[in-house]
mmCIF file of all heavy atoms, coordinates in Angstrom:
data_MODEL
# 
_entry.id   MODEL 
# 
loop_
_atom_site.group_PDB 
_atom_site.id 
_atom_site.type_symbol 
_atom_site.label_atom_id 
_atom_site.label_alt_id 
_atom_site.label_comp_id 
_atom_site.label_asym_id 
_atom_site.label_entity_id 
_atom_site.label_seq_id 
_atom_site.pdbx_PDB_ins_code 
_atom_site.Cartn_x 
_atom_site.Cartn_y 
_atom_site.Cartn_z 
_atom_site.occupancy 
_atom_site.B_iso_or_equiv 
_atom_site.pdbx_formal_charge 
_atom_site.auth_seq_id 
_atom_site.auth_comp_id 
_atom_site.auth_asym_id 
_atom_site.auth_atom_id 
_atom_site.pdbx_PDB_model_num 
ATOM 1   N N   . ASP A 1 1  ? 47.297 -32.898 46.573 1.00 0.00 ? 1  ASP A N   1 
ATOM 2   C CA  . ASP A 1 1  ? 47.901 -31.634 46.168 1.00 0.00 ? 1  ASP A CA  1 
ATOM 3   C C   . ASP A 1 1  ? 48.430 -30.746 47.238 1.00 0.00 ? 1  ASP A C   1 
ATOM 4   O O   . ASP A 1 1  ? 48.246 -29.516 47.260 1.00 0.00 ? 1  ASP A O   1 
ATOM 5   C CB  . ASP A 1 1  ? 47.060 -30.779 45.170 1.00 0.00 ? 1  ASP A CB  1 
ATOM 6   C CG  . ASP A 1 1  ? 47.215 -31.201 43.798 1.00 0.00 ? 1  ASP A CG  1 
ATOM 7   O OD1 . ASP A 1 1  ? 48.128 -32.103 43.418 1.00 0.00 ? 1  ASP A OD1 1 
ATOM 8   O OD2 . ASP A 1 1  ? 46.288 -30.987 42.934 1.00 0.00 ? 1  ASP A OD2 1 
ATOM 9   N N   . GLY A 1 2  ? 48.923 -31.284 48.312 1.00 0.00 ? 2  GLY A N   1 
ATOM 10  C CA  . GLY A 1 2  ? 49.434 -30.618 49.499 1.00 0.00 ? 2  GLY A CA  1 
ATOM 11  C C   . GLY A 1 2  ? 48.398 -30.007 50.389 1.00 0.00 ? 2  GLY A C   1 
ATOM 12  O O   . GLY A 1 2  ? 48.700 -29.362 51.461 1.00 0.00 ? 2  GLY A O   1 
ATOM 13  N N   . VAL A 1 3  ? 47.024 -30.350 50.210 1.00 0.00 ? 3  VAL A N   1 
ATOM 14  C CA  . VAL A 1 3  ? 46.107 -29.866 51.100 1.00 0.00 ? 3  VAL A CA  1 
ATOM 15  C C   . VAL A 1 3  ? 45.699 -31.128 51.898 1.00 0.00 ? 3  VAL A C   1 
ATOM 16  O O   . VAL A 1 3  ? 45.034 -32.146 51.552 1.00 0.00 ? 3  VAL A O   1 
ATOM 17  C CB  . VAL A 1 3  ? 44.753 -29.407 50.291 1.00 0.00 ? 3  VAL A CB  1 
ATOM 18  C CG1 . VAL A 1 3  ? 43.694 -29.015 51.409 1.00 0.00 ? 3  VAL A CG1 1 
ATOM 19  C CG2 . VAL A 1 3  ? 45.113 -28.236 49.579 1.00 0.00 ? 3  VAL A CG2 1 
ATOM 20  N N   . ASP A 1 4  ? 46.145 -30.955 53.322 1.00 0.00 ? 4  ASP A N   1 
ATOM 21  C CA  . ASP A 1 4  ? 46.077 -32.206 54.165 1.00 0.00 ? 4  ASP A CA  1 
ATOM 22  C C   . ASP A 1 4  ? 44.862 -32.097 55.220 1.00 0.00 ? 4  ASP A C   1 
ATOM 23  O O   . ASP A 1 4  ? 44.877 -31.340 56.107 1.00 0.00 ? 4  ASP A O   1 
ATOM 24  C CB  . ASP A 1 4  ? 47.370 -32.522 54.921 1.00 0.00 ? 4  ASP A CB  1 
ATOM 25  C CG  . ASP A 1 4  ? 47.426 -33.844 55.669 1.00 0.00 ? 4  ASP A CG  1 
ATOM 26  O OD1 . ASP A 1 4  ? 46.406 -34.486 55.666 1.00 0.00 ? 4  ASP A OD1 1 
ATOM 27  O OD2 . ASP A 1 4  ? 48.576 -34.105 56.135 1.00 0.00 ? 4  ASP A OD2 1 
ATOM 28  N N   . ASN A 1 5  ? 43.841 -32.980 54.929 1.00 0.00 ? 5  ASN A N   1 
ATOM 29  C CA  . ASN A 1 5  ? 42.728 -32.858 55.770 1.00 0.00 ? 5  ASN A CA  1 
ATOM 30  C C   . ASN A 1 5  ? 42.486 -34.167 56.613 1.00 0.00 ? 5  ASN A C   1 
ATOM 31  O O   . ASN A 1 5  ? 41.359 -34.596 56.988 1.00 0.00 ? 5  ASN A O   1 
ATOM 32  C CB  . ASN A 1 5  ? 41.348 -32.599 54.903 1.00 0.00 ? 5  ASN A CB  1 
ATOM 33  C CG  . ASN A 1 5  ? 41.342 -31.249 54.480 1.00 0.00 ? 5  ASN A CG  1 
ATOM 34  O OD1 . ASN A 1 5  ? 41.820 -30.299 55.124 1.00 0.00 ? 5  ASN A OD1 1 
ATOM 35  N ND2 . ASN A 1 5  ? 40.761 -31.095 53.258 1.00 0.00 ? 5  ASN A ND2 1 
ATOM 36  N N   . THR A 1 6  ? 43.606 -34.965 56.695 1.00 0.00 ? 6  THR A N   1 
ATOM 37  C CA  . THR A 1 6  ? 43.604 -36.208 57.410 1.00 0.00 ? 6  THR A CA  1 
ATOM 38  C C   . THR A 1 6  ? 43.159 -36.143 58.871 1.00 0.00 ? 6  THR A C   1 
ATOM 39  O O   . THR A 1 6  ? 42.468 -37.101 59.380 1.00 0.00 ? 6  THR A O   1 
ATOM 40  C CB  . THR A 1 6  ? 44.868 -36.915 57.375 1.00 0.00 ? 6  THR A CB  1 
ATOM 41  O OG1 . THR A 1 6  ? 45.830 -36.094 57.767 1.00 0.00 ? 6  THR A OG1 1 
ATOM 42  C CG2 . THR A 1 6  ? 45.213 -37.269 55.929 1.00 0.00 ? 6  THR A CG2 1 
ATOM 43  N N   . GLY A 1 7  ? 43.419 -35.005 59.488 1.00 0.00 ? 7  GLY A N   1 
ATOM 44  C CA  . GLY A 1 7  ? 43.143 -34.948 60.995 1.00 0.00 ? 7  GLY A CA  1 
ATOM 45  C C   . GLY A 1 7  ? 41.860 -34.002 61.149 1.00 0.00 ? 7  GLY A C   1 
ATOM 46  O O   . GLY A 1 7  ? 41.700 -33.570 62.336 1.00 0.00 ? 7  GLY A O   1 
ATOM 47  N N   . VAL A 1 8  ? 41.109 -33.729 60.219 1.00 0.00 ? 8  VAL A N   1 
ATOM 48  C CA  . VAL A 1 8  ? 40.082 -32.744 60.402 1.00 0.00 ? 8  VAL A CA  1 
ATOM 49  C C   . VAL A 1 8  ? 38.930 -33.350 61.176 1.00 0.00 ? 8  VAL A C   1 
ATOM 50  O O   . VAL A 1 8  ? 38.801 -34.621 61.233 1.00 0.00 ? 8  VAL A O   1 
ATOM 51  C CB  . VAL A 1 8  ? 39.387 -32.311 59.045 1.00 0.00 ? 8  VAL A CB  1 
ATOM 52  C CG1 . VAL A 1 8  ? 38.677 -33.505 58.333 1.00 0.00 ? 8  VAL A CG1 1 
ATOM 53  C CG2 . VAL A 1 8  ? 38.596 -31.131 59.128 1.00 0.00 ? 8  VAL A CG2 1 
ATOM 54  N N   . ASP A 1 9  ? 38.264 -32.498 62.005 1.00 0.00 ? 9  ASP A N   1 
ATOM 55  C CA  . ASP A 1 9  ? 37.157 -32.994 62.761 1.00 0.00 ? 9  ASP A CA  1 
ATOM 56  C C   . ASP A 1 9  ? 36.080 -33.615 61.900 1.00 0.00 ? 9  ASP A C   1 
ATOM 57  O O   . ASP A 1 9  ? 35.711 -33.097 60.915 1.00 0.00 ? 9  ASP A O   1 
ATOM 58  C CB  . ASP A 1 9  ? 36.499 -31.802 63.557 1.00 0.00 ? 9  ASP A CB  1 
ATOM 59  C CG  . ASP A 1 9  ? 35.414 -32.294 64.558 1.00 0.00 ? 9  ASP A CG  1 
ATOM 60  O OD1 . ASP A 1 9  ? 35.835 -32.624 65.724 1.00 0.00 ? 9  ASP A OD1 1 
ATOM 61  O OD2 . ASP A 1 9  ? 34.216 -32.163 64.180 1.00 0.00 ? 9  ASP A OD2 1 
ATOM 62  N N   . ASN A 1 10 ? 35.498 -34.777 62.307 1.00 0.00 ? 10 ASN A N   1 
ATOM 63  C CA  . ASN A 1 10 ? 34.586 -35.524 61.556 1.00 0.00 ? 10 ASN A CA  1 
ATOM 64  C C   . ASN A 1 10 ? 33.374 -34.813 61.101 1.00 0.00 ? 10 ASN A C   1 
ATOM 65  O O   . ASN A 1 10 ? 32.749 -34.844 60.083 1.00 0.00 ? 10 ASN A O   1 
ATOM 66  C CB  . ASN A 1 10 ? 34.048 -36.748 62.313 1.00 0.00 ? 10 ASN A CB  1 
ATOM 67  C CG  . ASN A 1 10 ? 33.406 -37.661 61.533 1.00 0.00 ? 10 ASN A CG  1 
ATOM 68  O OD1 . ASN A 1 10 ? 33.879 -38.227 60.483 1.00 0.00 ? 10 ASN A OD1 1 
ATOM 69  N ND2 . ASN A 1 10 ? 32.095 -37.955 61.837 1.00 0.00 ? 10 ASN A ND2 1 
ATOM 70  N N   . SER A 1 11 ? 32.921 -33.695 62.023 1.00 0.00 ? 11 SER A N   1 
ATOM 71  C CA  . SER A 1 11 ? 31.671 -33.057 61.716 1.00 0.00 ? 11 SER A CA  1 
ATOM 72  C C   . SER A 1 11 ? 31.865 -32.110 60.523 1.00 0.00 ? 11 SER A C   1 
ATOM 73  O O   . SER A 1 11 ? 30.783 -31.734 59.875 1.00 0.00 ? 11 SER A O   1 
ATOM 74  C CB  . SER A 1 11 ? 31.382 -32.207 62.880 1.00 0.00 ? 11 SER A CB  1 
ATOM 75  O OG  . SER A 1 11 ? 32.304 -31.293 63.193 1.00 0.00 ? 11 SER A OG  1 
ATOM 76  N N   . ARG A 1 12 ? 33.178 -31.763 60.120 1.00 0.00 ? 12 ARG A N   1 
ATOM 77  C CA  . ARG A 1 12 ? 33.396 -30.951 58.999 1.00 0.00 ? 12 ARG A CA  1 
ATOM 78  C C   . ARG A 1 12 ? 33.206 -31.690 57.745 1.00 0.00 ? 12 ARG A C   1 
ATOM 79  O O   . ARG A 1 12 ? 33.328 -31.124 56.685 1.00 0.00 ? 12 ARG A O   1 
ATOM 80  C CB  . ARG A 1 12 ? 34.723 -30.102 59.191 1.00 0.00 ? 12 ARG A CB  1 
ATOM 81  C CG  . ARG A 1 12 ? 34.729 -29.297 60.362 1.00 0.00 ? 12 ARG A CG  1 
ATOM 82  C CD  . ARG A 1 12 ? 36.056 -28.584 60.337 1.00 0.00 ? 12 ARG A CD  1 
ATOM 83  N NE  . ARG A 1 12 ? 36.122 -27.599 59.208 1.00 0.00 ? 12 ARG A NE  1 
ATOM 84  C CZ  . ARG A 1 12 ? 37.244 -26.797 58.878 1.00 0.00 ? 12 ARG A CZ  1 
ATOM 85  N NH1 . ARG A 1 12 ? 38.449 -27.124 59.561 1.00 0.00 ? 12 ARG A NH1 1 
ATOM 86  N NH2 . ARG A 1 12 ? 37.139 -26.101 57.930 1.00 0.00 ? 12 ARG A NH2 1 
ATOM 87  N N   . LEU A 1 13 ? 32.998 -33.013 57.723 1.00 0.00 ? 13 LEU A N   1 
ATOM 88  C CA  . LEU A 1 13 ? 32.923 -33.793 56.612 1.00 0.00 ? 13 LEU A CA  1 
ATOM 89  C C   . LEU A 1 13 ? 31.443 -33.955 56.090 1.00 0.00 ? 13 LEU A C   1 
ATOM 90  O O   . LEU A 1 13 ? 31.247 -34.516 55.121 1.00 0.00 ? 13 LEU A O   1 
ATOM 91  C CB  . LEU A 1 13 ? 33.509 -35.214 56.764 1.00 0.00 ? 13 LEU A CB  1 
ATOM 92  C CG  . LEU A 1 13 ? 35.015 -35.283 57.240 1.00 0.00 ? 13 LEU A CG  1 
ATOM 93  C CD1 . LEU A 1 13 ? 35.295 -36.836 57.364 1.00 0.00 ? 13 LEU A CD1 1 
ATOM 94  C CD2 . LEU A 1 13 ? 35.924 -34.741 56.205 1.00 0.00 ? 13 LEU A CD2 1 
ATOM 95  N N   . TYR A 1 14 ? 30.613 -33.173 56.730 1.00 0.00 ? 14 TYR A N   1 
ATOM 96  C CA  . TYR A 1 14 ? 29.233 -33.171 56.252 1.00 0.00 ? 14 TYR A CA  1 
ATOM 97  C C   . TYR A 1 14 ? 28.583 -31.915 56.192 1.00 0.00 ? 14 TYR A C   1 
ATOM 98  O O   . TYR A 1 14 ? 28.589 -31.031 57.222 1.00 0.00 ? 14 TYR A O   1 
ATOM 99  C CB  . TYR A 1 14 ? 28.341 -33.943 57.425 1.00 0.00 ? 14 TYR A CB  1 
ATOM 100 C CG  . TYR A 1 14 ? 28.927 -35.442 57.624 1.00 0.00 ? 14 TYR A CG  1 
ATOM 101 C CD1 . TYR A 1 14 ? 29.802 -35.705 58.556 1.00 0.00 ? 14 TYR A CD1 1 
ATOM 102 C CD2 . TYR A 1 14 ? 28.444 -36.454 56.749 1.00 0.00 ? 14 TYR A CD2 1 
ATOM 103 C CE1 . TYR A 1 14 ? 30.229 -36.882 58.787 1.00 0.00 ? 14 TYR A CE1 1 
ATOM 104 C CE2 . TYR A 1 14 ? 28.953 -37.801 56.937 1.00 0.00 ? 14 TYR A CE2 1 
ATOM 105 C CZ  . TYR A 1 14 ? 29.961 -38.012 58.006 1.00 0.00 ? 14 TYR A CZ  1 
ATOM 106 O OH  . TYR A 1 14 ? 30.266 -39.301 58.045 1.00 0.00 ? 14 TYR A OH  1 
ATOM 107 N N   . THR A 1 15 ? 28.189 -31.498 54.957 1.00 0.00 ? 15 THR A N   1 
ATOM 108 C CA  . THR A 1 15 ? 27.775 -30.117 54.628 1.00 0.00 ? 15 THR A CA  1 
ATOM 109 C C   . THR A 1 15 ? 26.142 -30.077 55.183 1.00 0.00 ? 15 THR A C   1 
ATOM 110 O O   . THR A 1 15 ? 25.479 -31.020 55.052 1.00 0.00 ? 15 THR A O   1 
ATOM 111 C CB  . THR A 1 15 ? 27.843 -29.765 53.115 1.00 0.00 ? 15 THR A CB  1 
ATOM 112 O OG1 . THR A 1 15 ? 29.203 -30.160 52.696 1.00 0.00 ? 15 THR A OG1 1 
ATOM 113 C CG2 . THR A 1 15 ? 27.519 -28.462 52.843 1.00 0.00 ? 15 THR A CG2 1 
ATOM 114 N N   . GLN A 1 16 ? 25.842 -28.892 55.543 1.00 0.00 ? 16 GLN A N   1 
ATOM 115 C CA  . GLN A 1 16 ? 24.495 -28.512 56.032 1.00 0.00 ? 16 GLN A CA  1 
ATOM 116 C C   . GLN A 1 16 ? 23.588 -28.040 54.797 1.00 0.00 ? 16 GLN A C   1 
ATOM 117 O O   . GLN A 1 16 ? 24.130 -27.226 53.878 1.00 0.00 ? 16 GLN A O   1 
ATOM 118 C CB  . GLN A 1 16 ? 24.462 -27.568 57.210 1.00 0.00 ? 16 GLN A CB  1 
ATOM 119 C CG  . GLN A 1 16 ? 25.155 -28.250 58.402 1.00 0.00 ? 16 GLN A CG  1 
ATOM 120 C CD  . GLN A 1 16 ? 24.776 -29.635 58.802 1.00 0.00 ? 16 GLN A CD  1 
ATOM 121 O OE1 . GLN A 1 16 ? 23.441 -29.658 59.018 1.00 0.00 ? 16 GLN A OE1 1 
ATOM 122 N NE2 . GLN A 1 16 ? 25.613 -30.507 58.893 1.00 0.00 ? 16 GLN A NE2 1 
ATOM 123 N N   . PRO A 1 17 ? 22.297 -28.361 54.757 1.00 0.00 ? 17 PRO A N   1 
ATOM 124 C CA  . PRO A 1 17 ? 21.446 -27.833 53.643 1.00 0.00 ? 17 PRO A CA  1 
ATOM 125 C C   . PRO A 1 17 ? 21.474 -26.225 53.575 1.00 0.00 ? 17 PRO A C   1 
ATOM 126 O O   . PRO A 1 17 ? 21.394 -25.766 52.454 1.00 0.00 ? 17 PRO A O   1 
ATOM 127 C CB  . PRO A 1 17 ? 20.064 -28.348 54.026 1.00 0.00 ? 17 PRO A CB  1 
ATOM 128 C CG  . PRO A 1 17 ? 20.318 -29.518 54.957 1.00 0.00 ? 17 PRO A CG  1 
ATOM 129 C CD  . PRO A 1 17 ? 21.590 -29.282 55.655 1.00 0.00 ? 17 PRO A CD  1 
ATOM 130 N N   . GLU A 1 18 ? 21.504 -25.627 54.705 1.00 0.00 ? 18 GLU A N   1 
ATOM 131 C CA  . GLU A 1 18 ? 21.463 -24.065 54.694 1.00 0.00 ? 18 GLU A CA  1 
ATOM 132 C C   . GLU A 1 18 ? 22.827 -23.612 53.974 1.00 0.00 ? 18 GLU A C   1 
ATOM 133 O O   . GLU A 1 18 ? 22.589 -22.542 53.186 1.00 0.00 ? 18 GLU A O   1 
ATOM 134 C CB  . GLU A 1 18 ? 21.507 -23.581 56.098 1.00 0.00 ? 18 GLU A CB  1 
ATOM 135 C CG  . GLU A 1 18 ? 20.166 -23.801 56.866 1.00 0.00 ? 18 GLU A CG  1 
ATOM 136 C CD  . GLU A 1 18 ? 20.209 -25.311 57.571 1.00 0.00 ? 18 GLU A CD  1 
ATOM 137 O OE1 . GLU A 1 18 ? 21.217 -26.058 57.265 1.00 0.00 ? 18 GLU A OE1 1 
ATOM 138 O OE2 . GLU A 1 18 ? 19.182 -25.643 58.163 1.00 0.00 ? 18 GLU A OE2 1 
ATOM 139 N N   . ASP A 1 19 ? 23.864 -24.259 54.121 1.00 0.00 ? 19 ASP A N   1 
ATOM 140 C CA  . ASP A 1 19 ? 25.196 -23.925 53.403 1.00 0.00 ? 19 ASP A CA  1 
ATOM 141 C C   . ASP A 1 19 ? 25.026 -24.036 51.914 1.00 0.00 ? 19 ASP A C   1 
ATOM 142 O O   . ASP A 1 19 ? 25.523 -23.224 51.145 1.00 0.00 ? 19 ASP A O   1 
ATOM 143 C CB  . ASP A 1 19 ? 26.291 -24.706 53.864 1.00 0.00 ? 19 ASP A CB  1 
ATOM 144 C CG  . ASP A 1 19 ? 26.679 -24.442 55.431 1.00 0.00 ? 19 ASP A CG  1 
ATOM 145 O OD1 . ASP A 1 19 ? 26.288 -23.314 55.909 1.00 0.00 ? 19 ASP A OD1 1 
ATOM 146 O OD2 . ASP A 1 19 ? 27.077 -25.251 56.125 1.00 0.00 ? 19 ASP A OD2 1 
ATOM 147 N N   . ILE A 1 20 ? 24.419 -25.232 51.529 1.00 0.00 ? 20 ILE A N   1 
ATOM 148 C CA  . ILE A 1 20 ? 24.248 -25.447 50.029 1.00 0.00 ? 20 ILE A CA  1 
ATOM 149 C C   . ILE A 1 20 ? 23.311 -24.334 49.494 1.00 0.00 ? 20 ILE A C   1 
ATOM 150 O O   . ILE A 1 20 ? 23.539 -23.814 48.208 1.00 0.00 ? 20 ILE A O   1 
ATOM 151 C CB  . ILE A 1 20 ? 23.578 -26.894 49.859 1.00 0.00 ? 20 ILE A CB  1 
ATOM 152 C CG1 . ILE A 1 20 ? 24.539 -28.007 50.369 1.00 0.00 ? 20 ILE A CG1 1 
ATOM 153 C CG2 . ILE A 1 20 ? 23.273 -27.064 48.429 1.00 0.00 ? 20 ILE A CG2 1 
ATOM 154 C CD1 . ILE A 1 20 ? 25.741 -28.004 49.640 1.00 0.00 ? 20 ILE A CD1 1 
ATOM 155 N N   . TRP A 1 21 ? 22.270 -23.956 50.195 1.00 0.00 ? 21 TRP A N   1 
ATOM 156 C CA  . TRP A 1 21 ? 21.283 -23.026 49.677 1.00 0.00 ? 21 TRP A CA  1 
ATOM 157 C C   . TRP A 1 21 ? 22.050 -21.626 49.511 1.00 0.00 ? 21 TRP A C   1 
ATOM 158 O O   . TRP A 1 21 ? 21.739 -20.936 48.651 1.00 0.00 ? 21 TRP A O   1 
ATOM 159 C CB  . TRP A 1 21 ? 20.139 -22.872 50.582 1.00 0.00 ? 21 TRP A CB  1 
ATOM 160 C CG  . TRP A 1 21 ? 19.189 -21.740 50.114 1.00 0.00 ? 21 TRP A CG  1 
ATOM 161 C CD1 . TRP A 1 21 ? 19.053 -20.575 50.767 1.00 0.00 ? 21 TRP A CD1 1 
ATOM 162 C CD2 . TRP A 1 21 ? 18.483 -21.615 48.945 1.00 0.00 ? 21 TRP A CD2 1 
ATOM 163 N NE1 . TRP A 1 21 ? 18.157 -19.789 50.028 1.00 0.00 ? 21 TRP A NE1 1 
ATOM 164 C CE2 . TRP A 1 21 ? 17.811 -20.431 48.966 1.00 0.00 ? 21 TRP A CE2 1 
ATOM 165 C CE3 . TRP A 1 21 ? 18.309 -22.626 47.884 1.00 0.00 ? 21 TRP A CE3 1 
ATOM 166 C CZ2 . TRP A 1 21 ? 17.012 -20.025 47.816 1.00 0.00 ? 21 TRP A CZ2 1 
ATOM 167 C CZ3 . TRP A 1 21 ? 17.423 -22.191 46.818 1.00 0.00 ? 21 TRP A CZ3 1 
ATOM 168 C CH2 . TRP A 1 21 ? 16.803 -20.821 46.837 1.00 0.00 ? 21 TRP A CH2 1 
ATOM 169 N N   . ASP A 1 22 ? 22.812 -21.241 50.534 1.00 0.00 ? 22 ASP A N   1 
ATOM 170 C CA  . ASP A 1 22 ? 23.511 -19.971 50.365 1.00 0.00 ? 22 ASP A CA  1 
ATOM 171 C C   . ASP A 1 22 ? 24.451 -19.931 49.170 1.00 0.00 ? 22 ASP A C   1 
ATOM 172 O O   . ASP A 1 22 ? 24.610 -18.927 48.491 1.00 0.00 ? 22 ASP A O   1 
ATOM 173 C CB  . ASP A 1 22 ? 24.596 -19.824 51.647 1.00 0.00 ? 22 ASP A CB  1 
ATOM 174 C CG  . ASP A 1 22 ? 23.724 -19.526 52.901 1.00 0.00 ? 22 ASP A CG  1 
ATOM 175 O OD1 . ASP A 1 22 ? 22.544 -19.028 52.744 1.00 0.00 ? 22 ASP A OD1 1 
ATOM 176 O OD2 . ASP A 1 22 ? 24.178 -19.652 54.011 1.00 0.00 ? 22 ASP A OD2 1 
ATOM 177 N N   . VAL A 1 23 ? 25.068 -21.095 48.776 1.00 0.00 ? 23 VAL A N   1 
ATOM 178 C CA  . VAL A 1 23 ? 25.910 -21.310 47.680 1.00 0.00 ? 23 VAL A CA  1 
ATOM 179 C C   . VAL A 1 23 ? 24.877 -21.046 46.287 1.00 0.00 ? 23 VAL A C   1 
ATOM 180 O O   . VAL A 1 23 ? 25.112 -20.259 45.396 1.00 0.00 ? 23 VAL A O   1 
ATOM 181 C CB  . VAL A 1 23 ? 26.694 -22.522 47.472 1.00 0.00 ? 23 VAL A CB  1 
ATOM 182 C CG1 . VAL A 1 23 ? 27.363 -22.658 46.144 1.00 0.00 ? 23 VAL A CG1 1 
ATOM 183 C CG2 . VAL A 1 23 ? 27.735 -22.704 48.552 1.00 0.00 ? 23 VAL A CG2 1 
ATOM 184 N N   . TYR A 1 24 ? 23.890 -21.888 46.411 1.00 0.00 ? 24 TYR A N   1 
ATOM 185 C CA  . TYR A 1 24 ? 22.958 -21.796 45.216 1.00 0.00 ? 24 TYR A CA  1 
ATOM 186 C C   . TYR A 1 24 ? 22.319 -20.469 44.958 1.00 0.00 ? 24 TYR A C   1 
ATOM 187 O O   . TYR A 1 24 ? 22.425 -19.995 43.824 1.00 0.00 ? 24 TYR A O   1 
ATOM 188 C CB  . TYR A 1 24 ? 21.818 -22.806 45.430 1.00 0.00 ? 24 TYR A CB  1 
ATOM 189 C CG  . TYR A 1 24 ? 20.877 -22.881 44.265 1.00 0.00 ? 24 TYR A CG  1 
ATOM 190 C CD1 . TYR A 1 24 ? 21.084 -23.768 43.108 1.00 0.00 ? 24 TYR A CD1 1 
ATOM 191 C CD2 . TYR A 1 24 ? 19.736 -22.101 44.213 1.00 0.00 ? 24 TYR A CD2 1 
ATOM 192 C CE1 . TYR A 1 24 ? 20.209 -23.763 42.200 1.00 0.00 ? 24 TYR A CE1 1 
ATOM 193 C CE2 . TYR A 1 24 ? 18.828 -22.217 43.170 1.00 0.00 ? 24 TYR A CE2 1 
ATOM 194 C CZ  . TYR A 1 24 ? 19.124 -23.000 42.109 1.00 0.00 ? 24 TYR A CZ  1 
ATOM 195 O OH  . TYR A 1 24 ? 18.184 -23.061 41.018 1.00 0.00 ? 24 TYR A OH  1 
ATOM 196 N N   . SER A 1 25 ? 21.968 -19.773 46.001 1.00 0.00 ? 25 SER A N   1 
ATOM 197 C CA  . SER A 1 25 ? 21.238 -18.514 45.932 1.00 0.00 ? 25 SER A CA  1 
ATOM 198 C C   . SER A 1 25 ? 22.299 -17.413 45.412 1.00 0.00 ? 25 SER A C   1 
ATOM 199 O O   . SER A 1 25 ? 21.915 -16.521 44.648 1.00 0.00 ? 25 SER A O   1 
ATOM 200 C CB  . SER A 1 25 ? 20.641 -18.070 47.273 1.00 0.00 ? 25 SER A CB  1 
ATOM 201 O OG  . SER A 1 25 ? 21.534 -17.993 48.199 1.00 0.00 ? 25 SER A OG  1 
# 
């Protein structure tokens, strides 16, 4: 849908547990 992440840095393809907890809380 026009959002192009083909060239994104590989590290951004992996979410960290702390980020998940921030969302959950």
